[in-house]
């Protein structure tokens, strides 16, 4: 997109997200926001790196797609390679993999909630921006903030036990796992998982007190500013309950009616990707509905993934405490499905509790220390392998095509942020048009607009990247004649 010459508010770079992006807000002659664009200004291309490699190497390679969600890529890749070699995993291997995915959910969700979302929700969107971060939380809520760091450390330790590395795991391989869980590791994981259950419960108590019982923060969750009725997608088990590692993909509409349920290997029958000239990220949509542009007014098949979308798509949660938390959330939000993007943060706490309880169920099963956790590879049985898991940011698909010798010919990665991209853009636009009136803006108002995309926890880079040591932001406001009237620098 060639940027309009007049009436532009530019937020560049957008803050508290993984990757590089900017927000361009277009004003009309009265100073009201009439349009907005969430633009990703970096290029992915990881699929090309994988071509020509033996497919059994991919579970180790694709963890480098992202240093934030490497476990999801690791496990989706391993599942895709299982299909290529025609392997049905032993029960112990499945359990260890699912436990790894649950630990990863805890690790990622705690980072997002306490480091990226809580500064807005617990401190307030107008809090001093110099301290509207983890340091402000340590100042205002020292015990819970320190406990969050401790339990993220527990998740890191559990990832190291299961994956040999916490950030870029190596143990999920075609045919199962390269290592099992020892009785000593079993006890260590069980102890940390129990503590995570307790901490998740305390997080809900904090949320009730500091978000739901305060008018300014509760308004964020109830406000129409962040309300966006869409379709929703998530993985369900055979009973329609939440599962983060395996199951059927279920899609519901904005009323909660099931639109389609399909096996992950059929994703191309149901998911399409549109391209718009002003972004390097594609725009996923439901083929069952169709792409009719970046709008909800014409029946376009825009859908969402991630925590709230998952909970909207499932019939419930199988673990007891998380089930109660799930019911409480929808009671406050006025029923299911819920559409407010800020509620993604609340749903993350529900999933932290579920993941903690599920780890306990898995680690207390005698088979978790079983010795049959790998089946040796033979020849290629299928030239196509597709695997999916529920990454912290939503449903993730890995699609591989190989030759007779298992050498990779093509790779397609459909990542959660691609699937949320259209909704992120619409959320940013709605927040901007609701909040910016008569050219009046403030730092807190701009932060509220950023909250519209931050709730999705978008992950934009194809790999970990070096930070420049600071996160500057310049906002320039032009009048309807294109004259600069104000410039704010952070």
Foldseek 3Di string as FASTA:
>chain_A
DPDDLFFWWKWFFQDDFAAGWIKIFHAAQLFFTDAMFIAHDDADDVFVVQFQAQLQCQLQVQLQQALLFSLQSNQQSLQQLLVQLVADFDPLLVLLSLLLQLLSLLLNLLCLLQFPNCLCQQVNLPHDPVLSGLNVCCVPPVPLSVVSVVLSVLSQVLCCQSQVHSRRRDQRTRFGGPDAAAPVNLVSNLVSLVVLLVSLVVVVVSCCPRAVPDPRRVCLQQPPLQFDFAKFKAAADPQQAHGFFDHWIWIAGSVLHTDDIGHQVCVVVFKDWDDDPRYNFTAIFTPSQDADDLDPPPRTRAYAFAQLSHLLGGPAHDDPVLRVLSVVLQVVQVHGPHGGLLCSSSSSSSSSNRSSRSSNVSSPDPSSRPPRGGDDGDFGPDQKGKGWGQTNLGIKIWIFGADRRSRTRGIDIDDRCSSCVSVLSVSLGSLSSVQTGSSDDDSSSVSSSSSSNSSSSDHRGSRDDDDPPDRKTKIWGGRRVSHTDDIDID
